[in-house]
Amino acid sequence: MHLLNVQDAVTHHHRVATEYYVVLAGEGEIELDGVRHPARPMSAFLIKPGCRHRAIGDLTVLLVSLPAADDTDEYFDA
């Protein structure tokens, strides 16, 4: 579990991890496989393995990763 302050993240995906984002503060969007979804406090997002995703805007997010976050399972788009 991580508390993240995100400002316009880079698109990436995970091959193994499933992530859950819960927006605690701020407003913006969460992009999932190219589709943007409004993000505001108490919005929640399920991000399955293989889903290319990023946060857009200035957001504070509670991130839960199953299994635990592993930098070797983070793949960035070119």
Protein backbone atom coordinates (compact mmCIF):
# COMPACT_ATOMS: atom_id res chain seq x y z
CA MET A 1 0.00 0.00 0.00
CA HIS A 2 1.40 3.41 -0.99
CA LEU A 3 0.31 7.02 -0.64
CA LEU A 4 1.26 8.81 -3.86
CA ASN A 5 1.24 12.43 -4.93
CA VAL A 6 0.91 12.20 -8.70
CA GLN A 7 1.39 14.96 -11.24
CA ASP A 8 0.90 13.85 -14.83
CA ALA A 9 2.35 10.33 -14.70
CA VAL A 10 3.86 8.49 -17.66
CA THR A 11 1.81 5.71 -19.30
CA HIS A 12 2.90 2.27 -18.11
CA HIS A 13 1.57 -1.20 -17.34
CA HIS A 14 2.28 -4.20 -15.13
CA ARG A 15 2.39 -7.79 -16.32
CA VAL A 16 1.68 -9.32 -12.90
CA ALA A 17 0.26 -6.76 -10.48
CA THR A 18 -3.34 -5.71 -10.10
CA GLU A 19 -3.60 -2.17 -8.75
CA TYR A 20 -6.38 -0.33 -6.99
CA TYR A 21 -6.30 3.47 -6.98
CA VAL A 22 -8.42 5.46 -4.53
CA VAL A 23 -8.25 9.21 -5.10
CA LEU A 24 -7.99 11.02 -1.76
CA ALA A 25 -7.46 14.60 -2.95
CA GLY A 26 -7.19 16.67 -6.10
CA GLU A 27 -8.92 16.47 -9.45
CA GLY A 28 -7.86 15.12 -12.80
CA GLU A 29 -8.24 11.97 -14.80
CA ILE A 30 -7.13 8.35 -14.77
CA GLU A 31 -6.38 7.01 -18.24
CA LEU A 32 -6.97 3.27 -18.70
CA ASP A 33 -6.01 1.79 -22.09
CA GLY A 34 -6.41 5.21 -23.72
CA VAL A 35 -9.80 6.04 -22.18
CA ARG A 36 -9.86 8.93 -19.72
CA HIS A 37 -12.05 8.77 -16.61
CA PRO A 38 -12.75 11.71 -14.26
CA ALA A 39 -10.88 11.43 -10.97
CA ARG A 40 -11.90 13.32 -7.85
CA PRO A 41 -11.85 12.50 -4.13
CA MET A 42 -13.26 9.04 -3.37
CA SER A 43 -13.09 7.88 -7.00
CA ALA A 44 -11.77 4.33 -7.19
CA PHE A 45 -10.17 2.46 -10.10
CA LEU A 46 -9.31 -1.20 -10.67
CA ILE A 47 -6.25 -1.60 -12.91
CA LYS A 48 -5.73 -5.15 -14.13
CA PRO A 49 -2.41 -6.57 -15.38
CA GLY A 50 -1.66 -5.44 -18.94
CA CYS A 51 -3.82 -2.30 -18.72
CA ARG A 52 -1.83 0.74 -19.83
CA HIS A 53 -2.55 3.49 -17.36
CA ARG A 54 -1.55 6.87 -16.00
CA ALA A 55 -2.86 9.63 -13.74
CA ILE A 56 -3.40 13.07 -15.26
CA GLY A 57 -3.55 16.17 -13.07
CA ASP A 58 -2.51 16.77 -9.49
CA LEU A 59 -3.83 13.88 -7.39
CA THR A 60 -3.19 12.24 -4.04
CA VAL A 61 -3.86 8.54 -4.49
CA LEU A 62 -3.94 5.56 -2.15
CA LEU A 63 -2.48 2.74 -4.24
CA VAL A 64 -2.92 -0.90 -3.31
CA SER A 65 -0.92 -3.41 -5.37
CA LEU A 66 -1.49 -7.18 -5.36
CA PRO A 67 1.02 -8.73 -5.20
CA ALA A 68 3.14 -6.05 -3.55
CA ALA A 69 4.60 -3.39 -5.86
CA ASP A 70 7.75 -4.51 -7.65
CA ASP A 71 9.79 -2.14 -9.84
CA THR A 72 10.70 -5.05 -12.15
CA ASP A 73 6.97 -5.35 -13.04
CA GLU A 74 6.71 -1.79 -14.37
CA TYR A 75 6.86 -1.34 -18.15
CA PHE A 76 6.83 2.14 -19.69
CA ASP A 77 5.55 2.97 -23.17
CA ALA A 78 8.18 4.39 -25.49
